[in-house]
Amino acid sequence: MKTTATFIIMLLSIISTHGQDITGRWNGALKFGASQLRIVFNINKTGAGFTSTMDSPDQGARGIPVTTTTFEDSKLRLEIVSAQIEYNGVLSGNILKGTFKQAGHEFPLELSKGELQANKRPQDPIMPYSYHSEEIIFKNTKANISLAGTLTLPRKEGNYPAVILISGSGPQNRDEELFGHKPFLVIADHLTKNGIAVLRYDDRGFAKSQGDFQKATIADFISDVESAVAYLKTRKEIDKQKIGLIGHSEGGIIAPQVAVKSPDVNFIVLLAGPGMRGSDLMLLQKERIEQQMGIPETAILQSQKLFKGAYEIILKSSVNDSTLSTKISAYFKTQLGNQVPENQINDITRQLVNPWMVGLLRYDPIPVLKKVKIPVLALNGEKDLQVPAQENLAGIKNALAVGGNEKVTIKEYATLNHLFQQCRTCLTTEYGEIEETFSPAVLNEMTRWIISQTNKN
C-alpha cells in the first residue's frame, strides 16, 4: 500500500509539472531604491524545448535573443551569454520567483504574466506631432552597415538648420532611452518645434541598426556620426551650412573629433562631456558615487588604489596586446587574494578589457578640444556624479582657450544630475523615479544658443 501511495504521489507530481505552462510573456521589474527597470521574457515552445527573447522596455530594447532556455521540474533557467545575463526562477502557480544576475551583480526578480505600469514621463511628446517625423535609414559605407533613425523637420518642405544627437556610453536607441526616460525624443521635440531639424539614430548593433556594438570602439562611433552628417547633406530640406552636433556624455567625446575632421560641422553642444583623460574620469566617477552612497573613506581609498593599478596596466599595454586579459586577471588575484570569488574577478576583467572600455580609459579629449575652432556650448549639472561638472567643464574651457577658440559658452546648472534632471540623491539609481526627463531650462538654453549660431550666417 505504501509503495502504491508513493507511486501515485510521484505520478501526480509529474502530471503537475507537465501541466505548468511556461510559455508566454513574463513581466517583472528590477528594483533600484524607489525606481524600477522593467524586464520582459517572451518564451515560446519548440519541438526540441523552448526558445525566448528578452525586452527591456524602459531602455527601448526589444527582442534580445536568449542563448539558453530550459524548464524542468518547475525550474526556469535563461541565459544571454553576450550580455552576461542569467535568470534562475521557480514556478509556483502563476508566479516565477528567482534571481536576475548580470556581470557579477544579483537582484531578486519576480515574474508574472500581468502587465507592469511604466513610470510617469510627463515630458514625452504625444502624437500626432506638430511637425514632420520620418523614419530613415542611412549607410556607413566605411563599416558597410546601415543605421536606422528618425529625422524630424519643422515642416515637410523647407530649408532648416539641423543637429545630430550623439548618445552616451552603452548601447542606446535613438531616444537614448533609460529607465523609461527618452531624453533624445524630448530634445528632438523641443528643437524641432523651434525651427531646428533633428536626426537621431539607434547605435550600431542595437534596435534597428546593423553592426556589432560589443566590438565597436570610439573610432567606430565617430565613423557613424560622419555618416549621419553625410546623409543630412543629401537632404534638400537641410541647410548644409548650418549642421551641428549635440553629444551627451561619451557623445561629448565624439562630437569634437567629428568637428575637427569635418568642415561640414558648424557648431557643437557638449552635454556632460568629458574634459579629462578617461582613466582619470572613471576614478573620479567611482569616488563621487561611492561618497554619495556613504561608503567609508578608507574603503574608497583602497578601491581607488586597486583600480588605478589596473588602469595603469591598460595604459602601458600596447594597442593589440593579446595578453591584456591575463595581466588584468592576475593583477586582481594578486591584490585581492581570496577576498573576491574568481568568477567575479573574471567578470571585472571582461569589463575592463572590452575594446570600448580600453579605448575610453586611454582617451584624452584635451588635444582634440584644442583643435576645435567652431562655436561650442558646454553644459553640465552641478550634481553630476558620472562626469563631475567642475573638473570637466574646467578641462573643456581651458583646452578651448589654449587652442584660441573664443566662441565658447560654458554653463553649470545647480541641482541637475548627469541626465539633466532635478535630483535629490543624484545617484544613478534615482534616474528612474524622477518624473522629469530633461530640464526645461537646459532645453531653452540649447535652443536659444543654436538659433543664435544659425542666424549669424
Protein backbone atom coordinates (compact mmCIF):
# COMPACT_ATOMS: atom_id res chain seq x y z
CA MET A 1 0.00 0.00 0.00
CA LYS A 2 2.83 2.37 0.88
CA THR A 3 4.51 1.67 -2.49
CA THR A 4 1.28 2.38 -4.35
CA ALA A 5 0.78 5.65 -2.49
CA THR A 6 4.33 6.74 -3.27
CA PHE A 7 3.81 5.90 -6.94
CA ILE A 8 0.59 7.95 -7.05
CA ILE A 9 2.31 10.95 -5.42
CA MET A 10 5.15 10.72 -7.95
CA LEU A 11 2.67 10.44 -10.81
CA LEU A 12 0.72 13.47 -9.61
CA SER A 13 3.95 15.42 -9.33
CA ILE A 14 4.88 14.55 -12.91
CA ILE A 15 1.41 15.45 -14.19
CA SER A 16 1.54 18.74 -12.27
CA THR A 17 4.95 19.63 -13.71
CA HIS A 18 3.92 18.82 -17.27
CA GLY A 19 0.72 20.79 -16.78
CA GLN A 20 2.60 24.00 -15.95
CA ASP A 21 2.58 26.41 -18.88
CA ILE A 22 5.81 28.39 -19.06
CA THR A 23 5.14 29.86 -22.50
CA GLY A 24 4.02 33.43 -22.95
CA ARG A 25 5.07 36.92 -21.89
CA TRP A 26 6.55 37.11 -18.37
CA ASN A 27 6.86 40.58 -16.81
CA GLY A 28 8.89 41.77 -13.84
CA ALA A 29 10.86 44.72 -12.52
CA LEU A 30 14.34 45.09 -11.08
CA LYS A 31 14.13 47.44 -8.09
CA PHE A 32 16.66 50.23 -7.53
CA GLY A 33 15.53 52.13 -4.46
CA ALA A 34 12.19 53.69 -5.37
CA SER A 35 12.74 53.22 -9.11
CA GLN A 36 12.37 50.16 -11.28
CA LEU A 37 13.61 48.71 -14.56
CA ARG A 38 11.04 46.58 -16.33
CA ILE A 39 12.20 43.21 -17.71
CA VAL A 40 10.14 41.01 -20.03
CA PHE A 41 10.88 37.45 -21.17
CA ASN A 42 8.92 36.08 -24.13
CA ILE A 43 9.00 32.26 -24.01
CA ASN A 44 7.89 30.00 -26.87
CA LYS A 45 7.60 26.21 -27.14
CA THR A 46 9.50 24.42 -29.88
CA GLY A 47 9.74 20.77 -30.81
CA ALA A 48 13.09 20.46 -29.05
CA GLY A 49 12.22 22.52 -25.99
CA PHE A 50 11.91 26.30 -25.59
CA THR A 51 13.21 29.50 -27.16
CA SER A 52 12.87 33.01 -25.78
CA THR A 53 13.73 36.67 -26.14
CA MET A 54 14.14 39.46 -23.60
CA ASP A 55 12.77 43.00 -23.67
CA SER A 56 13.87 45.95 -21.57
CA PRO A 57 11.02 48.42 -22.30
CA ASP A 58 12.47 51.21 -20.17
CA GLN A 59 15.68 51.08 -22.21
CA GLY A 60 13.95 50.70 -25.55
CA ALA A 61 15.44 47.23 -26.12
CA ARG A 62 13.23 44.50 -27.56
CA GLY A 63 13.71 41.05 -28.98
CA ILE A 64 17.14 40.35 -27.44
CA PRO A 65 17.83 36.65 -28.22
CA VAL A 66 18.18 34.42 -25.16
CA THR A 67 21.03 31.94 -25.64
CA THR A 68 19.66 29.19 -23.38
CA THR A 69 16.11 28.47 -22.20
CA THR A 70 15.43 25.41 -20.06
CA PHE A 71 12.40 24.47 -17.94
CA GLU A 72 12.40 21.32 -15.87
CA ASP A 73 10.85 20.38 -12.52
CA SER A 74 9.29 23.86 -12.23
CA LYS A 75 12.74 25.47 -12.60
CA LEU A 76 13.37 28.01 -15.35
CA ARG A 77 16.86 28.98 -16.46
CA LEU A 78 17.54 31.72 -19.00
CA GLU A 79 20.96 32.88 -20.15
CA ILE A 80 22.13 35.63 -22.51
CA VAL A 81 25.83 34.98 -22.92
CA SER A 82 26.70 38.18 -24.82
CA ALA A 83 25.23 40.40 -22.06
CA GLN A 84 26.40 38.22 -19.14
CA ILE A 85 22.77 37.86 -18.05
CA GLU A 86 21.32 34.84 -16.26
CA TYR A 87 17.91 34.30 -14.68
CA ASN A 88 17.00 31.33 -12.48
CA GLY A 89 13.46 31.06 -11.20
CA VAL A 90 10.99 28.58 -9.75
CA LEU A 91 7.42 28.49 -10.99
CA SER A 92 4.78 28.43 -8.25
CA GLY A 93 1.24 28.82 -9.51
CA ASN A 94 1.35 31.79 -11.89
CA ILE A 95 4.47 33.37 -10.41
CA LEU A 96 8.16 32.84 -11.15
CA LYS A 97 10.36 33.72 -8.17
CA GLY A 98 14.09 33.89 -8.78
CA THR A 99 17.30 35.83 -9.21
CA PHE A 100 18.50 38.01 -12.09
CA LYS A 101 22.27 38.14 -12.50
CA GLN A 102 24.37 40.38 -14.71
CA ALA A 103 28.13 40.89 -14.71
CA GLY A 104 28.55 39.71 -11.13
CA HIS A 105 25.54 41.59 -9.71
CA GLU A 106 22.43 39.83 -8.38
CA PHE A 107 18.87 41.14 -7.98
CA PRO A 108 15.69 39.37 -6.85
CA LEU A 109 13.23 39.25 -9.75
CA GLU A 110 9.64 38.02 -9.62
CA LEU A 111 7.92 37.43 -12.95
CA SER A 112 4.22 37.12 -13.77
CA LYS A 113 2.01 37.43 -16.83
CA GLY A 114 0.41 40.62 -15.56
CA GLU A 115 1.48 43.85 -17.26
CA LEU A 116 3.52 46.37 -15.22
CA GLN A 117 2.78 50.07 -15.37
CA ALA A 118 5.51 52.31 -16.71
CA ASN A 119 6.74 55.26 -14.67
CA LYS A 120 5.16 58.63 -15.44
CA ARG A 121 7.03 60.62 -18.07
CA PRO A 122 5.06 63.87 -18.48
CA GLN A 123 7.57 65.43 -20.93
CA ASP A 124 7.14 62.70 -23.55
CA PRO A 125 5.55 64.27 -26.64
CA ILE A 126 2.17 62.90 -27.67
CA MET A 127 1.34 62.02 -31.27
CA PRO A 128 0.28 63.38 -33.66
CA TYR A 129 3.27 65.72 -33.65
CA SER A 130 3.01 69.30 -34.87
CA TYR A 131 5.97 68.70 -37.19
CA HIS A 132 7.14 66.18 -39.77
CA SER A 133 8.67 62.96 -38.39
CA GLU A 134 10.26 60.46 -40.76
CA GLU A 135 11.80 57.01 -40.23
CA ILE A 136 15.09 56.92 -42.14
CA ILE A 137 18.00 54.60 -42.88
CA PHE A 138 21.47 55.78 -43.84
CA LYS A 139 24.60 53.88 -44.78
CA ASN A 140 28.01 53.86 -43.16
CA THR A 141 29.94 52.77 -46.23
CA LYS A 142 33.23 52.53 -44.33
CA ALA A 143 31.78 49.90 -41.95
CA ASN A 144 29.33 48.53 -44.55
CA ILE A 145 26.38 48.79 -42.16
CA SER A 146 23.03 50.56 -42.23
CA LEU A 147 21.90 52.74 -39.33
CA ALA A 148 18.23 53.37 -38.59
CA GLY A 149 16.88 56.57 -37.13
CA THR A 150 14.33 59.37 -37.15
CA LEU A 151 14.56 62.73 -38.87
CA THR A 152 12.22 65.43 -37.59
CA LEU A 153 11.60 68.60 -39.61
CA PRO A 154 9.62 71.70 -38.59
CA ARG A 155 7.57 71.12 -41.76
CA LYS A 156 7.87 68.63 -44.57
CA GLU A 157 9.04 71.31 -47.01
CA GLY A 158 11.65 73.97 -46.27
CA ASN A 159 15.33 74.53 -45.61
CA TYR A 160 16.35 74.19 -41.97
CA PRO A 161 19.39 74.19 -39.70
CA ALA A 162 19.95 70.71 -38.27
CA VAL A 163 21.59 68.85 -35.40
CA ILE A 164 22.62 65.24 -34.93
CA LEU A 165 22.18 63.73 -31.46
CA ILE A 166 25.05 61.53 -30.23
CA SER A 167 24.30 59.19 -27.33
CA GLY A 168 26.28 58.35 -24.21
CA SER A 169 28.05 55.12 -23.28
CA GLY A 170 26.43 51.73 -23.69
CA PRO A 171 24.06 50.57 -26.44
CA GLN A 172 21.34 53.19 -26.86
CA ASN A 173 18.35 53.52 -29.11
CA ARG A 174 17.57 56.73 -30.99
CA ASP A 175 15.74 58.17 -27.95
CA GLU A 176 18.70 57.39 -25.63
CA GLU A 177 16.08 55.52 -23.59
CA LEU A 178 16.92 54.75 -19.97
CA PHE A 179 14.55 53.78 -17.13
CA GLY A 180 11.62 54.79 -19.31
CA HIS A 181 13.09 58.25 -19.97
CA LYS A 182 13.57 59.29 -23.60
CA PRO A 183 15.79 62.39 -23.39
CA PHE A 184 16.64 62.47 -27.10
CA LEU A 185 12.95 62.30 -28.01
CA VAL A 186 12.25 65.22 -25.66
CA ILE A 187 15.21 67.21 -27.04
CA ALA A 188 14.23 66.50 -30.66
CA ASP A 189 10.63 67.52 -30.00
CA HIS A 190 11.65 70.83 -28.40
CA LEU A 191 14.22 71.77 -31.03
CA THR A 192 12.02 70.83 -33.98
CA LYS A 193 9.13 72.91 -32.62
CA ASN A 194 11.60 75.82 -32.61
CA GLY A 195 12.61 75.50 -36.26
CA ILE A 196 15.59 73.10 -35.99
CA ALA A 197 15.71 69.74 -37.79
CA VAL A 198 16.98 66.82 -35.70
CA LEU A 199 18.49 63.47 -36.69
CA ARG A 200 18.71 60.81 -34.02
CA TYR A 201 19.56 57.16 -34.62
CA ASP A 202 19.95 53.76 -32.97
CA ASP A 203 23.54 52.93 -32.03
CA ARG A 204 25.19 50.36 -34.27
CA GLY A 205 24.21 46.81 -33.38
CA PHE A 206 21.22 47.98 -31.33
CA ALA A 207 17.48 48.21 -32.00
CA LYS A 208 17.09 48.58 -35.80
CA SER A 209 20.71 49.46 -36.66
CA GLN A 210 23.17 46.97 -38.08
CA GLY A 211 26.68 46.26 -36.76
CA ASP A 212 28.29 44.80 -33.65
CA PHE A 213 28.17 47.11 -30.65
CA GLN A 214 30.28 44.80 -28.47
CA LYS A 215 33.27 45.10 -30.79
CA ALA A 216 32.82 48.81 -31.52
CA THR A 217 35.31 51.45 -30.40
CA ILE A 218 35.14 55.24 -30.19
CA ALA A 219 36.60 55.37 -33.71
CA ASP A 220 33.63 53.33 -34.96
CA PHE A 221 31.14 55.68 -33.34
CA ILE A 222 32.94 58.65 -34.91
CA SER A 223 32.51 56.96 -38.27
CA ASP A 224 28.77 56.55 -37.62
CA VAL A 225 28.36 60.27 -36.88
CA GLU A 226 30.30 61.18 -40.02
CA SER A 227 27.87 59.01 -41.97
CA ALA A 228 24.95 60.85 -40.38
CA VAL A 229 26.45 64.18 -41.46
CA ALA A 230 26.88 62.85 -45.00
CA TYR A 231 23.24 61.73 -45.00
CA LEU A 232 21.96 65.15 -43.92
CA LYS A 233 23.86 66.73 -46.80
CA THR A 234 21.76 64.68 -49.23
CA ARG A 235 18.51 66.12 -47.88
CA LYS A 236 17.15 69.17 -49.70
CA GLU A 237 15.33 70.25 -46.51
CA ILE A 238 18.63 70.78 -44.65
CA ASP A 239 20.72 73.96 -44.78
CA LYS A 240 24.14 72.40 -45.36
CA GLN A 241 25.91 75.42 -43.89
CA LYS A 242 24.11 75.02 -40.55
CA ILE A 243 24.71 71.47 -39.34
CA GLY A 244 25.66 70.93 -35.70
CA LEU A 245 26.25 68.09 -33.24
CA ILE A 246 24.85 67.55 -29.75
CA GLY A 247 26.79 64.94 -27.78
CA HIS A 248 25.76 63.64 -24.37
CA SER A 249 28.38 62.11 -22.04
CA GLU A 250 30.53 59.88 -24.30
CA GLY A 251 28.84 61.67 -27.19
CA GLY A 252 30.70 64.73 -25.86
CA ILE A 253 33.94 62.91 -26.71
CA ILE A 254 32.81 62.02 -30.21
CA ALA A 255 31.37 65.40 -31.27
CA PRO A 256 34.68 67.35 -31.04
CA GLN A 257 36.52 64.66 -33.01
CA VAL A 258 33.99 64.79 -35.82
CA ALA A 259 34.05 68.59 -35.74
CA VAL A 260 37.85 68.67 -36.12
CA LYS A 261 37.77 66.21 -39.03
CA SER A 262 34.73 67.53 -40.89
CA PRO A 263 34.34 71.05 -42.36
CA ASP A 264 30.60 70.31 -42.62
CA VAL A 265 30.08 70.67 -38.84
CA ASN A 266 29.38 74.28 -37.90
CA PHE A 267 28.82 74.11 -34.11
CA ILE A 268 28.74 71.59 -31.25
CA VAL A 269 26.88 71.25 -27.96
CA LEU A 270 28.51 69.17 -25.20
CA LEU A 271 26.06 67.85 -22.60
CA ALA A 272 28.04 66.48 -19.64
CA GLY A 273 31.00 65.99 -21.96
CA PRO A 274 34.34 64.80 -20.51
CA GLY A 275 37.22 67.22 -20.11
CA MET A 276 39.83 64.80 -18.73
CA ARG A 277 41.51 61.51 -19.63
CA GLY A 278 39.19 58.52 -19.45
CA SER A 279 41.15 56.71 -16.73
CA ASP A 280 41.07 59.81 -14.50
CA LEU A 281 37.37 60.32 -15.21
CA MET A 282 36.50 56.74 -14.27
CA LEU A 283 38.37 57.04 -10.98
CA LEU A 284 36.70 60.37 -10.19
CA GLN A 285 33.29 58.97 -11.12
CA LYS A 286 33.84 55.95 -8.89
CA GLU A 287 34.95 58.14 -5.98
CA ARG A 288 31.98 60.56 -6.23
CA ILE A 289 29.38 57.79 -6.49
CA GLU A 290 30.85 55.88 -3.54
CA GLN A 291 31.00 59.06 -1.45
CA GLN A 292 27.34 59.77 -2.19
CA MET A 293 26.48 56.17 -1.24
CA GLY A 294 28.08 56.71 2.18
CA ILE A 295 30.91 54.19 1.72
CA PRO A 296 33.68 54.71 4.33
CA GLU A 297 36.59 56.84 3.13
CA THR A 298 39.13 54.11 3.88
CA ALA A 299 37.27 51.70 1.58
CA ILE A 300 37.06 54.36 -1.15
CA LEU A 301 40.80 54.97 -0.96
CA GLN A 302 41.53 51.24 -1.19
CA SER A 303 39.24 50.94 -4.20
CA GLN A 304 40.90 53.93 -5.88
CA LYS A 305 44.34 52.38 -5.42
CA LEU A 306 43.14 49.00 -6.71
CA PHE A 307 41.55 50.30 -9.91
CA LYS A 308 44.25 52.88 -10.56
CA GLY A 309 46.69 49.98 -10.69
CA ALA A 310 44.50 48.11 -13.17
CA TYR A 311 44.09 51.19 -15.35
CA GLU A 312 47.85 51.75 -15.39
CA ILE A 313 48.36 48.24 -16.77
CA ILE A 314 45.93 49.06 -19.57
CA LEU A 315 47.52 52.45 -20.29
CA LYS A 316 51.00 50.93 -20.51
CA SER A 317 49.98 47.98 -22.68
CA SER A 318 50.21 48.03 -26.47
CA VAL A 319 47.05 48.63 -28.51
CA ASN A 320 46.71 44.99 -29.60
CA ASP A 321 48.09 43.29 -26.50
CA SER A 322 46.66 39.75 -26.64
CA THR A 323 47.80 39.08 -23.05
CA LEU A 324 45.94 42.05 -21.51
CA SER A 325 43.13 39.91 -20.10
CA THR A 326 45.63 37.58 -18.43
CA LYS A 327 47.57 40.52 -16.97
CA ILE A 328 44.46 42.19 -15.52
CA SER A 329 43.10 38.94 -14.07
CA ALA A 330 46.46 38.10 -12.49
CA TYR A 331 46.68 41.63 -11.04
CA PHE A 332 43.30 41.39 -9.31
CA LYS A 333 44.01 37.89 -8.00
CA THR A 334 47.30 39.12 -6.53
CA GLN A 335 45.74 42.21 -4.98
CA LEU A 336 42.54 40.58 -3.69
CA GLY A 337 43.70 37.07 -2.87
CA ASN A 338 40.70 35.04 -1.72
CA GLN A 339 38.60 38.07 -0.77
CA VAL A 340 36.65 38.01 -4.04
CA PRO A 341 35.40 34.85 -5.86
CA GLU A 342 37.22 34.03 -9.09
CA ASN A 343 34.05 34.36 -11.19
CA GLN A 344 33.65 37.98 -10.04
CA ILE A 345 37.29 38.73 -10.87
CA ASN A 346 36.66 37.26 -14.31
CA ASP A 347 33.58 39.48 -14.73
CA ILE A 348 35.54 42.61 -13.77
CA THR A 349 38.36 41.62 -16.11
CA ARG A 350 35.99 41.12 -19.06
CA GLN A 351 34.50 44.57 -18.49
CA LEU A 352 37.90 46.28 -18.33
CA VAL A 353 39.42 44.62 -21.41
CA ASN A 354 36.35 45.25 -23.57
CA PRO A 355 37.61 47.22 -26.64
CA TRP A 356 35.29 50.13 -25.89
CA MET A 357 36.43 50.37 -22.25
CA VAL A 358 40.10 50.14 -23.17
CA GLY A 359 39.60 52.93 -25.70
CA LEU A 360 37.76 55.10 -23.18
CA LEU A 361 40.40 54.65 -20.47
CA ARG A 362 43.15 55.62 -22.90
CA TYR A 363 41.35 58.54 -24.48
CA ASP A 364 42.37 62.10 -23.61
CA PRO A 365 39.94 64.70 -25.04
CA ILE A 366 42.20 67.71 -24.39
CA PRO A 367 44.39 67.54 -27.56
CA VAL A 368 41.28 67.33 -29.76
CA LEU A 369 39.45 70.12 -27.92
CA LYS A 370 42.45 72.39 -28.53
CA LYS A 371 41.86 71.98 -32.26
CA VAL A 372 38.14 72.85 -32.20
CA LYS A 373 37.63 76.29 -33.81
CA ILE A 374 33.85 76.35 -34.28
CA PRO A 375 31.33 77.62 -31.67
CA VAL A 376 30.96 75.39 -28.59
CA LEU A 377 28.26 75.26 -25.91
CA ALA A 378 29.29 73.10 -22.92
CA LEU A 379 26.68 72.40 -20.23
CA ASN A 380 26.66 70.21 -17.14
CA GLY A 381 24.76 69.63 -13.92
CA GLU A 382 26.43 70.51 -10.63
CA LYS A 383 25.20 67.22 -9.13
CA ASP A 384 26.53 65.04 -11.95
CA LEU A 385 28.34 62.09 -10.33
CA GLN A 386 29.32 60.40 -13.61
CA VAL A 387 31.01 63.34 -15.31
CA PRO A 388 31.55 65.77 -12.40
CA ALA A 389 30.85 69.28 -13.64
CA GLN A 390 33.53 71.43 -12.03
CA GLU A 391 36.55 69.38 -13.13
CA ASN A 392 35.29 68.51 -16.60
CA LEU A 393 33.92 71.92 -17.56
CA ALA A 394 37.22 73.44 -16.44
CA GLY A 395 39.11 70.97 -18.63
CA ILE A 396 36.95 71.80 -21.65
CA LYS A 397 37.19 75.56 -21.06
CA ASN A 398 40.96 75.53 -20.64
CA ALA A 399 41.58 73.34 -23.69
CA LEU A 400 39.45 75.52 -25.94
CA ALA A 401 41.13 78.67 -24.60
CA VAL A 402 44.61 77.27 -25.22
CA GLY A 403 43.53 76.50 -28.78
CA GLY A 404 42.44 80.11 -29.26
CA ASN A 405 38.71 79.41 -29.52
CA GLU A 406 36.78 82.41 -28.15
CA LYS A 407 33.37 81.26 -29.43
CA VAL A 408 32.68 79.29 -26.26
CA THR A 409 29.80 79.29 -23.75
CA ILE A 410 30.17 77.29 -20.53
CA LYS A 411 27.37 76.85 -18.02
CA GLU A 412 26.85 74.76 -14.88
CA TYR A 413 23.36 74.10 -13.51
CA ALA A 414 22.73 73.67 -9.80
CA THR A 415 20.68 70.64 -8.65
CA LEU A 416 20.90 68.79 -12.02
CA ASN A 417 22.33 65.29 -12.43
CA HIS A 418 24.06 63.54 -15.35
CA LEU A 419 20.76 63.28 -17.26
CA PHE A 420 19.96 66.96 -16.59
CA GLN A 421 17.17 66.11 -14.15
CA GLN A 422 16.37 67.88 -10.90
CA CYS A 423 17.61 65.32 -8.37
CA ARG A 424 17.82 64.56 -4.64
CA THR A 425 20.43 61.85 -4.04
CA CYS A 426 21.58 62.25 -7.67
CA LEU A 427 22.73 58.60 -7.73
CA THR A 428 22.15 56.63 -10.91
CA THR A 429 19.58 54.52 -9.04
CA GLU A 430 17.37 57.62 -8.74
CA TYR A 431 17.11 58.28 -12.50
CA GLY A 432 14.01 56.13 -12.93
CA GLU A 433 11.99 57.52 -10.03
CA ILE A 434 12.34 61.14 -11.19
CA GLU A 435 9.42 62.17 -13.41
CA GLU A 436 11.37 64.92 -15.16
CA THR A 437 13.22 63.64 -18.23
CA PHE A 438 15.25 66.72 -19.15
CA SER A 439 15.46 70.17 -17.60
CA PRO A 440 13.31 72.76 -19.46
CA ALA A 441 15.90 75.41 -18.58
CA VAL A 442 18.61 73.48 -20.41
CA LEU A 443 16.29 72.84 -23.36
CA ASN A 444 15.66 76.57 -23.64
CA GLU A 445 19.36 77.42 -23.29
CA MET A 446 20.33 74.99 -26.06
CA THR A 447 17.59 76.24 -28.35
CA ARG A 448 18.47 79.93 -27.90
CA TRP A 449 22.16 79.25 -28.43
CA ILE A 450 21.67 77.12 -31.57
CA ILE A 451 19.33 79.72 -33.07
CA SER A 452 21.86 82.46 -32.31
CA GLN A 453 24.59 80.47 -34.12
CA THR A 454 22.49 79.63 -37.16
CA ASN A 455 21.19 83.19 -37.52
CA LYS A 456 24.73 84.56 -37.85
CA ASN A 457 25.16 83.14 -41.36
